[in-house]
C-alpha atoms as a PDB file:
ATOM      1  CA  UNK A   1      -2.705  -8.121  21.178  1.00  0.00           C
ATOM      2  CA  UNK A   2      -0.480  -6.278  18.711  1.00  0.00           C
ATOM      3  CA  UNK A   3      -0.303  -2.498  19.116  1.00  0.00           C
ATOM      4  CA  UNK A   4       1.330   0.376  17.252  1.00  0.00           C
ATOM      5  CA  UNK A   5       3.990   2.085  19.389  1.00  0.00           C
ATOM      6  CA  UNK A   6       5.227   5.663  18.912  1.00  0.00           C
ATOM      7  CA  UNK A   7       8.430   7.487  19.876  1.00  0.00           C
ATOM      8  CA  UNK A   8       8.269  11.297  19.731  1.00  0.00           C
ATOM      9  CA  UNK A   9      10.723  12.881  19.452  1.00  0.00           C
ATOM     10  CA  UNK A  10      12.635  10.216  17.551  1.00  0.00           C
ATOM     11  CA  UNK A  11      16.039   9.329  19.011  1.00  0.00           C
ATOM     12  CA  UNK A  12      18.329   7.835  16.350  1.00  0.00           C
ATOM     13  CA  UNK A  13      20.910   5.061  16.822  1.00  0.00           C
ATOM     14  CA  UNK A  14      23.637   7.598  17.639  1.00  0.00           C
ATOM     15  CA  UNK A  15      21.484   9.078  20.416  1.00  0.00           C
ATOM     16  CA  UNK A  16      20.615  12.262  18.514  1.00  0.00           C
ATOM     17  CA  UNK A  17      17.182  13.679  19.351  1.00  0.00           C
ATOM     18  CA  UNK A  18      15.196  14.467  16.195  1.00  0.00           C
ATOM     19  CA  UNK A  19      12.342  16.770  17.245  1.00  0.00           C
ATOM     20  CA  UNK A  20      10.785  16.856  13.777  1.00  0.00           C
ATOM     21  CA  UNK A  21      10.603  13.053  13.386  1.00  0.00           C
ATOM     22  CA  UNK A  22       8.376  10.355  14.853  1.00  0.00           C
ATOM     23  CA  UNK A  23       9.052   6.602  14.941  1.00  0.00           C
ATOM     24  CA  UNK A  24       6.287   3.965  14.659  1.00  0.00           C
ATOM     25  CA  UNK A  25       6.553   0.209  15.186  1.00  0.00           C
ATOM     26  CA  UNK A  26       4.238  -2.654  16.145  1.00  0.00           C
ATOM     27  CA  UNK A  27       4.707  -5.193  18.933  1.00  0.00           C
ATOM     28  CA  UNK A  28       2.660  -7.479  21.149  1.00  0.00           C
ATOM     29  CA  UNK A  29       2.463  -7.457  24.957  1.00  0.00           C
ATOM     30  CA  UNK A  30       5.655  -9.587  25.103  1.00  0.00           C
ATOM     31  CA  UNK A  31       7.650  -7.154  22.953  1.00  0.00           C
ATOM     32  CA  UNK A  32       7.598  -9.399  19.860  1.00  0.00           C
ATOM     33  CA  UNK A  33       7.876  -7.147  16.772  1.00  0.00           C
ATOM     34  CA  UNK A  34       5.234  -7.281  14.042  1.00  0.00           C
ATOM     35  CA  UNK A  35       4.842  -5.802  10.587  1.00  0.00           C
ATOM     36  CA  UNK A  36       2.526  -2.796  10.308  1.00  0.00           C
ATOM     37  CA  UNK A  37       0.635  -1.577   7.267  1.00  0.00           C
ATOM     38  CA  UNK A  38       0.465   2.041   6.116  1.00  0.00           C
ATOM     39  CA  UNK A  39      -3.262   2.620   5.563  1.00  0.00           C
ATOM     40  CA  UNK A  40      -2.915   5.268   2.849  1.00  0.00           C
ATOM     41  CA  UNK A  41      -0.533   3.291   0.600  1.00  0.00           C
ATOM     42  CA  UNK A  42      -0.811  -0.360   1.646  1.00  0.00           C
ATOM     43  CA  UNK A  43       2.974  -0.492   2.138  1.00  0.00           C
ATOM     44  CA  UNK A  44       4.226  -2.723   4.962  1.00  0.00           C
ATOM     45  CA  UNK A  45       7.032  -1.837   7.370  1.00  0.00           C
ATOM     46  CA  UNK A  46       8.628  -3.189  10.516  1.00  0.00           C
ATOM     47  CA  UNK A  47       9.630   0.372  11.518  1.00  0.00           C
ATOM     48  CA  UNK A  48       8.528   3.693  10.049  1.00  0.00           C
ATOM     49  CA  UNK A  49      10.156   7.067  10.666  1.00  0.00           C
ATOM     50  CA  UNK A  50       8.083  10.015   9.475  1.00  0.00           C
ATOM     51  CA  UNK A  51       8.064  13.784   9.745  1.00  0.00           C
ATOM     52  CA  UNK A  52       5.986  15.193  12.570  1.00  0.00           C
ATOM     53  CA  UNK A  53       3.074  15.748  12.369  1.00  0.00           C
ATOM     54  CA  UNK A  54       2.802  12.396  10.630  1.00  0.00           C
ATOM     55  CA  UNK A  55       0.721  12.325   7.421  1.00  0.00           C
ATOM     56  CA  UNK A  56       0.240   8.536   7.621  1.00  0.00           C
ATOM     57  CA  UNK A  57      -1.793   6.084   9.670  1.00  0.00           C
ATOM     58  CA  UNK A  58      -0.519   2.616  10.601  1.00  0.00           C
ATOM     59  CA  UNK A  59      -2.352  -0.558  11.580  1.00  0.00           C
ATOM     60  CA  UNK A  60      -0.754  -3.751  12.899  1.00  0.00           C
ATOM     61  CA  UNK A  61      -0.757  -6.976  10.878  1.00  0.00           C
ATOM     62  CA  UNK A  62      -0.553 -10.562  12.078  1.00  0.00           C
ATOM     63  CA  UNK A  63       2.902 -11.009  10.446  1.00  0.00           C
ATOM     64  CA  UNK A  64       5.864 -11.210  12.796  1.00  0.00           C
ATOM     65  CA  UNK A  65       8.701  -8.918  11.749  1.00  0.00           C
ATOM     66  CA  UNK A  66      11.448 -11.481  12.370  1.00  0.00           C
ATOM     67  CA  UNK A  67       9.974 -14.262  10.249  1.00  0.00           C
ATOM     68  CA  UNK A  68      11.454 -14.676   6.776  1.00  0.00           C
ATOM     69  CA  UNK A  69       8.945 -14.486   3.957  1.00  0.00           C
ATOM     70  CA  UNK A  70       8.038 -17.736   2.276  1.00  0.00           C
ATOM     71  CA  UNK A  71       9.886 -18.291  -0.952  1.00  0.00           C
ATOM     72  CA  UNK A  72       7.701 -19.318  -3.836  1.00  0.00           C
ATOM     73  CA  UNK A  73       9.363 -21.811  -6.119  1.00  0.00           C
ATOM     74  CA  UNK A  74       8.980 -20.904  -9.758  1.00  0.00           C
ATOM     75  CA  UNK A  75       8.223 -23.820 -12.064  1.00  0.00           C
ATOM     76  CA  UNK A  76      11.244 -24.899 -14.082  1.00  0.00           C
ATOM     77  CA  UNK A  77      10.649 -25.054 -17.799  1.00  0.00           C
ATOM     78  CA  UNK A  78      11.995 -28.167 -19.470  1.00  0.00           C
ATOM     79  CA  UNK A  79      14.278 -27.421 -22.429  1.00  0.00           C
ATOM     80  CA  UNK A  80      12.582 -27.978 -25.755  1.00  0.00           C
ATOM     81  CA  UNK A  81      14.117 -30.269 -28.352  1.00  0.00           C
ATOM     82  CA  UNK A  82      15.357 -28.501 -31.432  1.00  0.00           C
ATOM     83  CA  UNK A  83      13.260 -28.906 -34.522  1.00  0.00           C
ATOM     84  CA  UNK A  84      15.343 -30.135 -37.413  1.00  0.00           C
ATOM     85  CA  UNK A  85      14.473 -28.666 -40.772  1.00  0.00           C
ATOM     86  CA  UNK A  86      14.786 -31.491 -43.323  1.00  0.00           C
ATOM     87  CA  UNK A  87      15.470 -28.978 -46.102  1.00  0.00           C
ATOM     88  CA  UNK A  88      18.731 -27.829 -44.479  1.00  0.00           C
ATOM     89  CA  UNK A  89      21.598 -30.251 -44.871  1.00  0.00           C
ATOM     90  CA  UNK A  90      22.724 -31.634 -41.504  1.00  0.00           C
ATOM     91  CA  UNK A  91      26.338 -32.342 -40.661  1.00  0.00           C
ATOM     92  CA  UNK A  92      27.083 -35.850 -39.436  1.00  0.00           C
END
């Protein structure tokens, strides 16, 4: 089961304690990271750092955070042949 985890106060990468910030992330019971969705905006994050008290609510998704998103191939348009205007003299 995927759950939202919270770290308060937030400790940044340099080890600084940030008492006014809170960190949210989602992971399953094995520690596998997942994407979470911000309820109020619909935005998706793997990690969210907010001011405390946090004005947002997060729910886990079924998307793993480490998986690359599928690329959608755009259809390639074939080049169109030029239309020759018979009234304009053509060079040979």
